[in-house]
Amino acid sequence: MTETAAKPGVVPMRKPVSTWSTAAWLRRAPLLPALLFTVLVTQIPFLLTVFYSFQSWNLVRPGSRHFVGLRNYVDVFADSQFRVALINTVVLTVVCVLVAMLLGLGLAILLDRQFLGRGVVRTLLITPFLILPAAGALLWKTTMFDPTYGLLNFVFGGDTDWLSEFPLASVMAQIVWQWTPFMMLLILAGLQAQSKEVLEAAAVDGAGRWRTFISITLPQLSRYLQLAILLGAIYIVNSFDAIFLMTQGGPGTASTNLPYYIYQRAFEGFDIGQSSAMGVIVVILTLIVATFALRLMFRTFGISGEVK
């Protein structure tokens, strides 16, 4: 039997499992209360929602609760109003995210320049994002879209009932106003992170502003634009306050999205079974989108998913 002699000056690397585990748990111990709270307020209600989704249970019919298997899910996909709410949710999310991103890009480019009072202008532009969504919805409903005293009719000189004639577009306008500052801040951070030497070199080489923006600034902003789109989509797809306070999903289902339709079935129709099935479907779709979004974001920022 031969023994391998250790090389001089080389210390064998050994990681005691018990010591590493103890140190890891000690580092994570302050986060345990937050983790337990998150499990209590999110995972346990979700498990109950999954359980109720297999039950036929309407609160206005006492004693009607019984197990129905997957019938609630079949009824949900056969529901035409659910499909309308799904389409409205997709349209609302896509339009609001793209318009807010374009407006945020324009405002960020303006704020990246030096001018007198830039700090005041930046503060004023951020203000809509600091207002509570419910307060912002009521503000737009009463001061902008009111058919008698609204600012839009005062400016255009008409008597249009905007919330009745253009319900989804009115909700989109309020959401875009609320989320444009968020997009602006992310894109402005990307503009201020780009190298000034590269911009100066492009100017020396004779590149104009448009060529510099297309060839240098826009590639630099790509990761920030993707991050803004992903985060904006995750938040806007769950919009409820604006629809509830401005249009109540109407007229009919013209401005109903999935969160509001689930609310209607649960708290106005008292159908716990089908509303729970809708909630589970929405959570599954959201998890799929969120997983794709996180992978894209990690790949964009060069973050490895493997622990080394």
C-alpha atoms as a PDB file:
ATOM      1  CA  MET A   1       0.000   0.000   0.000  1.00  0.00           C
ATOM      2  CA  THR A   2       1.352   3.382  -0.967  1.00  0.00           C
ATOM      3  CA  GLU A   3       0.536   6.583   0.737  1.00  0.00           C
ATOM      4  CA  THR A   4       0.238   9.822  -1.206  1.00  0.00           C
ATOM      5  CA  ALA A   5       2.319  12.479   0.430  1.00  0.00           C
ATOM      6  CA  ALA A   6       0.840  15.907   0.685  1.00  0.00           C
ATOM      7  CA  LYS A   7       2.634  18.568  -1.282  1.00  0.00           C
ATOM      8  CA  PRO A   8       4.537  21.021   0.862  1.00  0.00           C
ATOM      9  CA  GLY A   9       2.697  24.272   1.401  1.00  0.00           C
ATOM     10  CA  VAL A  10      -0.623  22.883   0.207  1.00  0.00           C
ATOM     11  CA  VAL A  11      -3.362  22.537   2.805  1.00  0.00           C
ATOM     12  CA  PRO A  12      -6.111  20.075   1.859  1.00  0.00           C
ATOM     13  CA  MET A  13      -9.483  21.827   1.589  1.00  0.00           C
ATOM     14  CA  ARG A  14     -12.107  20.185   3.747  1.00  0.00           C
ATOM     15  CA  LYS A  15     -15.508  21.577   4.515  1.00  0.00           C
ATOM     16  CA  PRO A  16     -17.038  20.090   7.641  1.00  0.00           C
ATOM     17  CA  VAL A  17     -20.690  19.602   6.847  1.00  0.00           C
ATOM     18  CA  SER A  18     -21.947  20.159  10.371  1.00  0.00           C
ATOM     19  CA  THR A  19     -20.008  23.398  10.839  1.00  0.00           C
ATOM     20  CA  TRP A  20     -21.126  24.747   7.457  1.00  0.00           C
ATOM     21  CA  SER A  21     -24.755  23.879   8.184  1.00  0.00           C
ATOM     22  CA  THR A  22     -24.644  25.548  11.588  1.00  0.00           C
ATOM     23  CA  ALA A  23     -23.086  28.704  10.185  1.00  0.00           C
ATOM     24  CA  ALA A  24     -25.580  28.762   7.309  1.00  0.00           C
ATOM     25  CA  TRP A  25     -28.536  28.431   9.669  1.00  0.00           C
ATOM     26  CA  LEU A  26     -27.136  31.161  11.899  1.00  0.00           C
ATOM     27  CA  ARG A  27     -26.903  33.511   8.917  1.00  0.00           C
ATOM     28  CA  ARG A  28     -30.460  32.694   7.880  1.00  0.00           C
ATOM     29  CA  ALA A  29     -31.995  32.763  11.363  1.00  0.00           C
ATOM     30  CA  PRO A  30     -33.025  36.478  11.223  1.00  0.00           C
ATOM     31  CA  LEU A  31     -35.018  35.715   8.057  1.00  0.00           C
ATOM     32  CA  LEU A  32     -37.023  32.864   9.568  1.00  0.00           C
ATOM     33  CA  PRO A  33     -39.792  35.066  11.081  1.00  0.00           C
ATOM     34  CA  ALA A  34     -40.364  36.706   7.709  1.00  0.00           C
ATOM     35  CA  LEU A  35     -40.382  33.297   6.022  1.00  0.00           C
ATOM     36  CA  LEU A  36     -42.908  31.906   8.514  1.00  0.00           C
ATOM     37  CA  PHE A  37     -45.110  34.974   8.103  1.00  0.00           C
ATOM     38  CA  THR A  38     -44.977  34.638   4.319  1.00  0.00           C
ATOM     39  CA  VAL A  39     -45.960  30.968   4.511  1.00  0.00           C
ATOM     40  CA  LEU A  40     -48.862  31.744   6.850  1.00  0.00           C
ATOM     41  CA  VAL A  41     -50.344  34.560   4.763  1.00  0.00           C
ATOM     42  CA  THR A  42     -49.683  33.131   1.268  1.00  0.00           C
ATOM     43  CA  GLN A  43     -49.145  29.387   1.117  1.00  0.00           C
ATOM     44  CA  ILE A  44     -51.803  28.248   3.595  1.00  0.00           C
ATOM     45  CA  PRO A  45     -54.543  30.387   1.955  1.00  0.00           C
ATOM     46  CA  PHE A  46     -53.433  29.068  -1.442  1.00  0.00           C
ATOM     47  CA  LEU A  47     -53.715  25.465  -0.254  1.00  0.00           C
ATOM     48  CA  LEU A  48     -57.224  26.217   1.030  1.00  0.00           C
ATOM     49  CA  THR A  49     -58.037  27.804  -2.337  1.00  0.00           C
ATOM     50  CA  VAL A  50     -56.896  24.638  -4.112  1.00  0.00           C
ATOM     51  CA  PHE A  51     -59.067  22.570  -1.766  1.00  0.00           C
ATOM     52  CA  TYR A  52     -62.139  24.750  -2.354  1.00  0.00           C
ATOM     53  CA  SER A  53     -61.581  24.639  -6.122  1.00  0.00           C
ATOM     54  CA  PHE A  54     -62.624  20.973  -6.064  1.00  0.00           C
ATOM     55  CA  GLN A  55     -65.813  21.774  -4.158  1.00  0.00           C
ATOM     56  CA  SER A  56     -69.199  23.000  -5.353  1.00  0.00           C
ATOM     57  CA  TRP A  57     -69.936  25.632  -2.726  1.00  0.00           C
ATOM     58  CA  ASN A  58     -72.245  28.616  -3.054  1.00  0.00           C
ATOM     59  CA  LEU A  59     -72.760  30.690   0.081  1.00  0.00           C
ATOM     60  CA  VAL A  60     -76.391  31.514  -0.785  1.00  0.00           C
ATOM     61  CA  ARG A  61     -77.276  27.810  -0.769  1.00  0.00           C
ATOM     62  CA  PRO A  62     -76.497  26.406   2.694  1.00  0.00           C
ATOM     63  CA  GLY A  63     -75.639  22.728   2.687  1.00  0.00           C
ATOM     64  CA  SER A  64     -74.773  22.682  -1.017  1.00  0.00           C
ATOM     65  CA  ARG A  65     -71.068  22.076  -0.492  1.00  0.00           C
ATOM     66  CA  HIS A  66     -69.843  18.799  -1.987  1.00  0.00           C
ATOM     67  CA  PHE A  67     -66.878  17.412  -3.914  1.00  0.00           C
ATOM     68  CA  VAL A  68     -67.080  17.830  -7.710  1.00  0.00           C
ATOM     69  CA  GLY A  69     -63.525  17.089  -8.829  1.00  0.00           C
ATOM     70  CA  LEU A  70     -62.409  19.053 -11.896  1.00  0.00           C
ATOM     71  CA  ARG A  71     -65.871  20.297 -12.863  1.00  0.00           C
ATOM     72  CA  ASN A  72     -65.129  23.833 -11.661  1.00  0.00           C
ATOM     73  CA  TYR A  73     -62.069  24.013 -13.917  1.00  0.00           C
ATOM     74  CA  VAL A  74     -64.075  22.750 -16.898  1.00  0.00           C
ATOM     75  CA  ASP A  75     -66.779  25.347 -16.217  1.00  0.00           C
ATOM     76  CA  VAL A  76     -64.184  28.113 -15.923  1.00  0.00           C
ATOM     77  CA  PHE A  77     -62.671  27.397 -19.345  1.00  0.00           C
ATOM     78  CA  ALA A  78     -66.181  27.121 -20.823  1.00  0.00           C
ATOM     79  CA  ASP A  79     -67.166  30.500 -19.344  1.00  0.00           C
ATOM     80  CA  SER A  80     -67.247  33.171 -22.073  1.00  0.00           C
ATOM     81  CA  GLN A  81     -66.932  35.978 -19.507  1.00  0.00           C
ATOM     82  CA  PHE A  82     -63.735  34.410 -18.186  1.00  0.00           C
ATOM     83  CA  ARG A  83     -62.285  34.430 -21.705  1.00  0.00           C
ATOM     84  CA  VAL A  84     -63.290  38.087 -22.122  1.00  0.00           C
ATOM     85  CA  ALA A  85     -61.640  38.944 -18.803  1.00  0.00           C
ATOM     86  CA  LEU A  86     -58.507  37.063 -19.884  1.00  0.00           C
ATOM     87  CA  ILE A  87     -58.333  38.988 -23.176  1.00  0.00           C
ATOM     88  CA  ASN A  88     -58.916  42.300 -21.362  1.00  0.00           C
ATOM     89  CA  THR A  89     -56.117  41.437 -18.933  1.00  0.00           C
ATOM     90  CA  VAL A  90     -53.668  40.704 -21.751  1.00  0.00           C
ATOM     91  CA  VAL A  91     -54.616  43.867 -23.676  1.00  0.00           C
ATOM     92  CA  LEU A  92     -54.483  46.019 -20.538  1.00  0.00           C
ATOM     93  CA  THR A  93     -51.083  44.678 -19.528  1.00  0.00           C
ATOM     94  CA  VAL A  94     -49.433  44.857 -22.954  1.00  0.00           C
ATOM     95  CA  VAL A  95     -50.693  48.346 -23.838  1.00  0.00           C
ATOM     96  CA  CYS A  96     -49.974  49.866 -20.417  1.00  0.00           C
ATOM     97  CA  VAL A  97     -46.473  48.405 -20.203  1.00  0.00           C
ATOM     98  CA  LEU A  98     -45.449  49.476 -23.711  1.00  0.00           C
ATOM     99  CA  VAL A  99     -46.927  52.988 -23.508  1.00  0.00           C
ATOM    100  CA  ALA A 100     -45.512  53.589 -20.009  1.00  0.00           C
ATOM    101  CA  MET A 101     -42.116  52.326 -21.149  1.00  0.00           C
ATOM    102  CA  LEU A 102     -42.034  54.620 -24.204  1.00  0.00           C
ATOM    103  CA  LEU A 103     -43.128  57.638 -22.170  1.00  0.00           C
ATOM    104  CA  GLY A 104     -40.640  56.743 -19.443  1.00  0.00           C
ATOM    105  CA  LEU A 105     -37.877  56.463 -22.047  1.00  0.00           C
ATOM    106  CA  GLY A 106     -38.649  59.930 -23.424  1.00  0.00           C
ATOM    107  CA  LEU A 107     -38.807  61.523 -19.982  1.00  0.00           C
ATOM    108  CA  ALA A 108     -35.610  59.773 -18.877  1.00  0.00           C
ATOM    109  CA  ILE A 109     -33.738  61.113 -21.927  1.00  0.00           C
ATOM    110  CA  LEU A 110     -34.938  64.629 -21.104  1.00  0.00           C
ATOM    111  CA  LEU A 111     -33.988  64.321 -17.426  1.00  0.00           C
ATOM    112  CA  ASP A 112     -30.539  62.992 -18.322  1.00  0.00           C
ATOM    113  CA  ARG A 113     -29.655  66.457 -19.624  1.00  0.00           C
ATOM    114  CA  GLN A 114     -28.487  69.341 -17.485  1.00  0.00           C
ATOM    115  CA  PHE A 115     -30.986  72.207 -17.157  1.00  0.00           C
ATOM    116  CA  LEU A 116     -32.148  74.665 -14.537  1.00  0.00           C
ATOM    117  CA  GLY A 117     -34.635  73.138 -12.092  1.00  0.00           C
ATOM    118  CA  ARG A 118     -33.979  69.529 -13.095  1.00  0.00           C
ATOM    119  CA  GLY A 119     -34.338  68.331  -9.496  1.00  0.00           C
ATOM    120  CA  VAL A 120     -37.757  69.968  -9.135  1.00  0.00           C
ATOM    121  CA  VAL A 121     -38.963  68.543 -12.454  1.00  0.00           C
ATOM    122  CA  ARG A 122     -37.731  65.074 -11.511  1.00  0.00           C
ATOM    123  CA  THR A 123     -39.566  65.237  -8.195  1.00  0.00           C
ATOM    124  CA  LEU A 124     -42.803  66.329  -9.874  1.00  0.00           C
ATOM    125  CA  LEU A 125     -42.574  63.532 -12.445  1.00  0.00           C
ATOM    126  CA  ILE A 126     -42.027  60.897  -9.739  1.00  0.00           C
ATOM    127  CA  THR A 127     -45.053  62.080  -7.735  1.00  0.00           C
ATOM    128  CA  PRO A 128     -47.726  59.945  -9.531  1.00  0.00           C
ATOM    129  CA  PHE A 129     -45.898  56.757  -8.572  1.00  0.00           C
ATOM    130  CA  LEU A 130     -45.960  57.810  -4.900  1.00  0.00           C
ATOM    131  CA  ILE A 131     -49.757  58.198  -4.831  1.00  0.00           C
ATOM    132  CA  LEU A 132     -51.778  55.224  -3.646  1.00  0.00           C
ATOM    133  CA  PRO A 133     -53.427  53.383  -6.568  1.00  0.00           C
ATOM    134  CA  ALA A 134     -56.889  53.836  -5.036  1.00  0.00           C
ATOM    135  CA  ALA A 135     -56.331  57.569  -4.561  1.00  0.00           C
ATOM    136  CA  GLY A 136     -55.019  57.893  -8.111  1.00  0.00           C
ATOM    137  CA  ALA A 137     -58.062  56.066  -9.520  1.00  0.00           C
ATOM    138  CA  LEU A 138     -60.468  58.326  -7.637  1.00  0.00           C
ATOM    139  CA  LEU A 139     -58.487  61.383  -8.704  1.00  0.00           C
ATOM    140  CA  TRP A 140     -58.802  60.505 -12.375  1.00  0.00           C
ATOM    141  CA  LYS A 141     -62.446  59.482 -12.058  1.00  0.00           C
ATOM    142  CA  THR A 142     -63.552  62.732 -10.443  1.00  0.00           C
ATOM    143  CA  THR A 143     -61.223  65.339 -11.930  1.00  0.00           C
ATOM    144  CA  MET A 144     -60.402  63.982 -15.399  1.00  0.00           C
ATOM    145  CA  PHE A 145     -63.259  61.794 -16.630  1.00  0.00           C
ATOM    146  CA  ASP A 146     -66.291  63.322 -14.962  1.00  0.00           C
ATOM    147  CA  PRO A 147     -68.794  64.139 -17.781  1.00  0.00           C
ATOM    148  CA  THR A 148     -69.820  67.436 -16.159  1.00  0.00           C
ATOM    149  CA  TYR A 149     -66.806  68.793 -14.299  1.00  0.00           C
ATOM    150  CA  GLY A 150     -63.948  66.747 -15.796  1.00  0.00           C
ATOM    151  CA  LEU A 151     -60.852  68.435 -17.190  1.00  0.00           C
ATOM    152  CA  LEU A 152     -60.973  66.455 -20.435  1.00  0.00           C
ATOM    153  CA  ASN A 153     -64.413  67.773 -21.360  1.00  0.00           C
ATOM    154  CA  PHE A 154     -63.358  71.251 -20.260  1.00  0.00           C
ATOM    155  CA  VAL A 155     -60.349  71.145 -22.599  1.00  0.00           C
ATOM    156  CA  PHE A 156     -62.065  69.523 -25.584  1.00  0.00           C
ATOM    157  CA  GLY A 157     -65.379  71.300 -25.067  1.00  0.00           C
ATOM    158  CA  GLY A 158     -67.593  68.213 -25.144  1.00  0.00           C
ATOM    159  CA  ASP A 159     -69.835  66.253 -22.813  1.00  0.00           C
ATOM    160  CA  THR A 160     -68.363  62.782 -23.325  1.00  0.00           C
ATOM    161  CA  ASP A 161     -68.876  60.201 -20.602  1.00  0.00           C
ATOM    162  CA  TRP A 162     -65.400  58.736 -20.912  1.00  0.00           C
ATOM    163  CA  LEU A 163     -65.856  55.918 -18.390  1.00  0.00           C
ATOM    164  CA  SER A 164     -68.954  54.646 -20.195  1.00  0.00           C
ATOM    165  CA  GLU A 165     -67.858  55.115 -23.806  1.00  0.00           C
ATOM    166  CA  PHE A 166     -64.160  54.273 -23.433  1.00  0.00           C
ATOM    167  CA  PRO A 167     -63.926  52.264 -20.188  1.00  0.00           C
ATOM    168  CA  LEU A 168     -60.841  50.149 -20.894  1.00  0.00           C
ATOM    169  CA  ALA A 169     -58.959  53.061 -22.487  1.00  0.00           C
ATOM    170  CA  SER A 170     -59.781  55.264 -19.468  1.00  0.00           C
ATOM    171  CA  VAL A 171     -58.421  52.651 -17.075  1.00  0.00           C
ATOM    172  CA  MET A 172     -55.314  52.296 -19.238  1.00  0.00           C
ATOM    173  CA  ALA A 173     -54.723  56.061 -19.132  1.00  0.00           C
ATOM    174  CA  GLN A 174     -54.792  56.076 -15.329  1.00  0.00           C
ATOM    175  CA  ILE A 175     -52.485  53.051 -15.034  1.00  0.00           C
ATOM    176  CA  VAL A 176     -50.026  54.499 -17.559  1.00  0.00           C
ATOM    177  CA  TRP A 177     -49.984  57.776 -15.615  1.00  0.00           C
ATOM    178  CA  GLN A 178     -49.284  55.817 -12.418  1.00  0.00           C
ATOM    179  CA  TRP A 179     -46.512  53.588 -13.801  1.00  0.00           C
ATOM    180  CA  THR A 180     -44.658  55.892 -16.190  1.00  0.00           C
ATOM    181  CA  PRO A 181     -42.493  57.323 -13.346  1.00  0.00           C
ATOM    182  CA  PHE A 182     -41.432  53.773 -12.407  1.00  0.00           C
ATOM    183  CA  MET A 183     -40.271  53.107 -15.970  1.00  0.00           C
ATOM    184  CA  MET A 184     -38.602  56.514 -16.076  1.00  0.00           C
ATOM    185  CA  LEU A 185     -36.552  55.854 -12.947  1.00  0.00           C
ATOM    186  CA  LEU A 186     -35.265  52.484 -14.194  1.00  0.00           C
ATOM    187  CA  ILE A 187     -34.333  53.841 -17.608  1.00  0.00           C
ATOM    188  CA  LEU A 188     -32.771  56.975 -16.100  1.00  0.00           C
ATOM    189  CA  ALA A 189     -30.564  54.745 -13.972  1.00  0.00           C
ATOM    190  CA  GLY A 190     -29.405  53.010 -17.135  1.00  0.00           C
ATOM    191  CA  LEU A 191     -28.709  56.311 -18.890  1.00  0.00           C
ATOM    192  CA  GLN A 192     -26.621  57.597 -15.999  1.00  0.00           C
ATOM    193  CA  ALA A 193     -24.688  54.301 -15.843  1.00  0.00           C
ATOM    194  CA  GLN A 194     -23.377  54.513 -19.419  1.00  0.00           C
ATOM    195  CA  SER A 195     -19.782  55.525 -19.964  1.00  0.00           C
ATOM    196  CA  LYS A 196     -19.295  59.226 -20.724  1.00  0.00           C
ATOM    197  CA  GLU A 197     -15.967  58.459 -22.428  1.00  0.00           C
ATOM    198  CA  VAL A 198     -17.723  56.287 -25.017  1.00  0.00           C
ATOM    199  CA  LEU A 199     -20.225  59.057 -25.748  1.00  0.00           C
ATOM    200  CA  GLU A 200     -17.442  61.597 -26.087  1.00  0.00           C
ATOM    201  CA  ALA A 201     -15.533  59.267 -28.424  1.00  0.00           C
ATOM    202  CA  ALA A 202     -18.645  58.851 -30.587  1.00  0.00           C
ATOM    203  CA  ALA A 203     -19.047  62.637 -30.773  1.00  0.00           C
ATOM    204  CA  VAL A 204     -15.394  63.033 -31.766  1.00  0.00           C
ATOM    205  CA  ASP A 205     -15.860  60.441 -34.530  1.00  0.00           C
ATOM    206  CA  GLY A 206     -18.703  62.507 -35.932  1.00  0.00           C
ATOM    207  CA  ALA A 207     -21.665  60.381 -34.863  1.00  0.00           C
ATOM    208  CA  GLY A 208     -24.874  62.361 -34.547  1.00  0.00           C
ATOM    209  CA  ARG A 209     -27.307  62.150 -31.668  1.00  0.00           C
ATOM    210  CA  TRP A 210     -29.605  59.674 -33.397  1.00  0.00           C
ATOM    211  CA  ARG A 211     -26.719  57.382 -34.431  1.00  0.00           C
ATOM    212  CA  THR A 212     -25.254  57.573 -30.933  1.00  0.00           C
ATOM    213  CA  PHE A 213     -28.618  56.694 -29.415  1.00  0.00           C
ATOM    214  CA  ILE A 214     -29.213  53.731 -31.746  1.00  0.00           C
ATOM    215  CA  SER A 215     -25.687  52.296 -31.686  1.00  0.00           C
ATOM    216  CA  ILE A 216     -24.541  53.038 -28.125  1.00  0.00           C
ATOM    217  CA  THR A 217     -27.304  54.176 -25.773  1.00  0.00           C
ATOM    218  CA  LEU A 218     -30.036  51.732 -26.788  1.00  0.00           C
ATOM    219  CA  PRO A 219     -27.852  48.592 -26.434  1.00  0.00           C
ATOM    220  CA  GLN A 220     -26.741  49.917 -23.042  1.00  0.00           C
ATOM    221  CA  LEU A 221     -30.385  50.344 -22.031  1.00  0.00           C
ATOM    222  CA  SER A 222     -31.544  46.925 -23.258  1.00  0.00           C
ATOM    223  CA  ARG A 223     -31.244  45.203 -19.885  1.00  0.00           C
ATOM    224  CA  TYR A 224     -32.939  48.099 -18.096  1.00  0.00           C
ATOM    225  CA  LEU A 225     -35.766  48.132 -20.637  1.00  0.00           C
ATOM    226  CA  GLN A 226     -36.276  44.387 -20.221  1.00  0.00           C
ATOM    227  CA  LEU A 227     -36.293  44.743 -16.449  1.00  0.00           C
ATOM    228  CA  ALA A 228     -38.839  47.571 -16.668  1.00  0.00           C
ATOM    229  CA  ILE A 229     -41.095  45.517 -18.953  1.00  0.00           C
ATOM    230  CA  LEU A 230     -40.923  42.418 -16.766  1.00  0.00           C
ATOM    231  CA  LEU A 231     -41.554  44.179 -13.454  1.00  0.00           C
ATOM    232  CA  GLY A 232     -44.246  46.387 -14.952  1.00  0.00           C
ATOM    233  CA  ALA A 233     -46.060  43.391 -16.429  1.00  0.00           C
ATOM    234  CA  ILE A 234     -45.967  41.487 -13.130  1.00  0.00           C
ATOM    235  CA  TYR A 235     -47.541  44.395 -11.246  1.00  0.00           C
ATOM    236  CA  ILE A 236     -49.977  45.678 -13.890  1.00  0.00           C
ATOM    237  CA  VAL A 237     -51.460  42.239 -14.577  1.00  0.00           C
ATOM    238  CA  ASN A 238     -52.800  42.326 -10.994  1.00  0.00           C
ATOM    239  CA  SER A 239     -54.489  45.730 -11.367  1.00  0.00           C
ATOM    240  CA  PHE A 240     -57.688  45.899  -9.323  1.00  0.00           C
ATOM    241  CA  ASP A 241     -58.037  49.336  -7.715  1.00  0.00           C
ATOM    242  CA  ALA A 242     -58.490  51.318 -10.927  1.00  0.00           C
ATOM    243  CA  ILE A 243     -61.138  48.986 -12.345  1.00  0.00           C
ATOM    244  CA  PHE A 244     -63.035  48.656  -9.072  1.00  0.00           C
ATOM    245  CA  LEU A 245     -63.152  52.392  -8.377  1.00  0.00           C
ATOM    246  CA  MET A 246     -63.502  53.750 -11.915  1.00  0.00           C
ATOM    247  CA  THR A 247     -65.645  51.369 -13.995  1.00  0.00           C
ATOM    248  CA  GLN A 248     -66.632  48.389 -11.794  1.00  0.00           C
ATOM    249  CA  GLY A 249     -65.709  46.230 -14.778  1.00  0.00           C
ATOM    250  CA  GLY A 250     -68.390  47.763 -17.013  1.00  0.00           C
ATOM    251  CA  PRO A 251     -70.223  48.565 -19.037  1.00  0.00           C
ATOM    252  CA  GLY A 252     -70.973  44.851 -19.015  1.00  0.00           C
ATOM    253  CA  THR A 253     -67.568  43.190 -19.115  1.00  0.00           C
ATOM    254  CA  ALA A 254     -65.859  45.830 -21.291  1.00  0.00           C
ATOM    255  CA  SER A 255     -63.212  46.637 -18.672  1.00  0.00           C
ATOM    256  CA  THR A 256     -63.282  43.480 -16.546  1.00  0.00           C
ATOM    257  CA  ASN A 257     -59.912  41.837 -15.968  1.00  0.00           C
ATOM    258  CA  LEU A 258     -59.136  38.566 -14.197  1.00  0.00           C
ATOM    259  CA  PRO A 259     -58.585  39.921 -10.653  1.00  0.00           C
ATOM    260  CA  TYR A 260     -61.845  41.875 -10.782  1.00  0.00           C
ATOM    261  CA  TYR A 261     -63.794  38.962 -12.296  1.00  0.00           C
ATOM    262  CA  ILE A 262     -62.582  36.660  -9.526  1.00  0.00           C
ATOM    263  CA  TYR A 263     -63.722  39.275  -7.013  1.00  0.00           C
ATOM    264  CA  GLN A 264     -67.162  39.384  -8.664  1.00  0.00           C
ATOM    265  CA  ARG A 265     -67.631  35.630  -8.583  1.00  0.00           C
ATOM    266  CA  ALA A 266     -66.455  35.333  -4.969  1.00  0.00           C
ATOM    267  CA  PHE A 267     -67.969  38.392  -3.255  1.00  0.00           C
ATOM    268  CA  GLU A 268     -70.910  39.236  -5.489  1.00  0.00           C
ATOM    269  CA  GLY A 269     -71.865  35.810  -6.861  1.00  0.00           C
ATOM    270  CA  PHE A 270     -70.803  33.980  -3.646  1.00  0.00           C
ATOM    271  CA  ASP A 271     -69.523  31.069  -5.778  1.00  0.00           C
ATOM    272  CA  ILE A 272     -66.546  29.952  -3.729  1.00  0.00           C
ATOM    273  CA  GLY A 273     -65.833  26.863  -5.829  1.00  0.00           C
ATOM    274  CA  GLN A 274     -65.531  28.498  -9.248  1.00  0.00           C
ATOM    275  CA  SER A 275     -63.804  31.609  -7.939  1.00  0.00           C
ATOM    276  CA  SER A 276     -61.224  29.378  -6.239  1.00  0.00           C
ATOM    277  CA  ALA A 277     -60.677  27.492  -9.499  1.00  0.00           C
ATOM    278  CA  MET A 278     -60.175  30.804 -11.305  1.00  0.00           C
ATOM    279  CA  GLY A 279     -57.685  31.875  -8.655  1.00  0.00           C
ATOM    280  CA  VAL A 280     -55.688  28.666  -9.035  1.00  0.00           C
ATOM    281  CA  ILE A 281     -55.612  29.042 -12.834  1.00  0.00           C
ATOM    282  CA  VAL A 282     -54.441  32.654 -12.553  1.00  0.00           C
ATOM    283  CA  VAL A 283     -51.727  31.665 -10.057  1.00  0.00           C
ATOM    284  CA  ILE A 284     -50.477  28.911 -12.377  1.00  0.00           C
ATOM    285  CA  LEU A 285     -50.382  31.278 -15.352  1.00  0.00           C
ATOM    286  CA  THR A 286     -48.617  33.909 -13.236  1.00  0.00           C
ATOM    287  CA  LEU A 287     -46.019  31.376 -12.065  1.00  0.00           C
ATOM    288  CA  ILE A 288     -45.307  30.371 -15.654  1.00  0.00           C
ATOM    289  CA  VAL A 289     -44.851  33.994 -16.709  1.00  0.00           C
ATOM    290  CA  ALA A 290     -42.812  34.816 -13.585  1.00  0.00           C
ATOM    291  CA  THR A 291     -40.510  31.825 -14.114  1.00  0.00           C
ATOM    292  CA  PHE A 292     -39.899  32.832 -17.711  1.00  0.00           C
ATOM    293  CA  ALA A 293     -39.378  36.442 -16.622  1.00  0.00           C
ATOM    294  CA  LEU A 294     -36.865  35.541 -13.908  1.00  0.00           C
ATOM    295  CA  ARG A 295     -34.858  33.310 -16.236  1.00  0.00           C
ATOM    296  CA  LEU A 296     -34.783  36.024 -18.859  1.00  0.00           C
ATOM    297  CA  MET A 297     -33.772  38.605 -16.252  1.00  0.00           C
ATOM    298  CA  PHE A 298     -30.987  36.383 -14.869  1.00  0.00           C
ATOM    299  CA  ARG A 299     -29.698  35.716 -18.381  1.00  0.00           C
ATOM    300  CA  THR A 300     -29.875  39.424 -19.233  1.00  0.00           C
ATOM    301  CA  PHE A 301     -27.851  40.457 -16.173  1.00  0.00           C
ATOM    302  CA  GLY A 302     -25.459  37.498 -16.442  1.00  0.00           C
ATOM    303  CA  ILE A 303     -26.523  35.911 -13.143  1.00  0.00           C
ATOM    304  CA  SER A 304     -25.805  32.220 -12.848  1.00  0.00           C
ATOM    305  CA  GLY A 305     -28.420  30.018 -11.263  1.00  0.00           C
ATOM    306  CA  GLU A 306     -25.840  27.574  -9.938  1.00  0.00           C
ATOM    307  CA  VAL A 307     -24.342  27.980  -6.499  1.00  0.00           C
ATOM    308  CA  LYS A 308     -20.579  27.655  -6.712  1.00  0.00           C
END
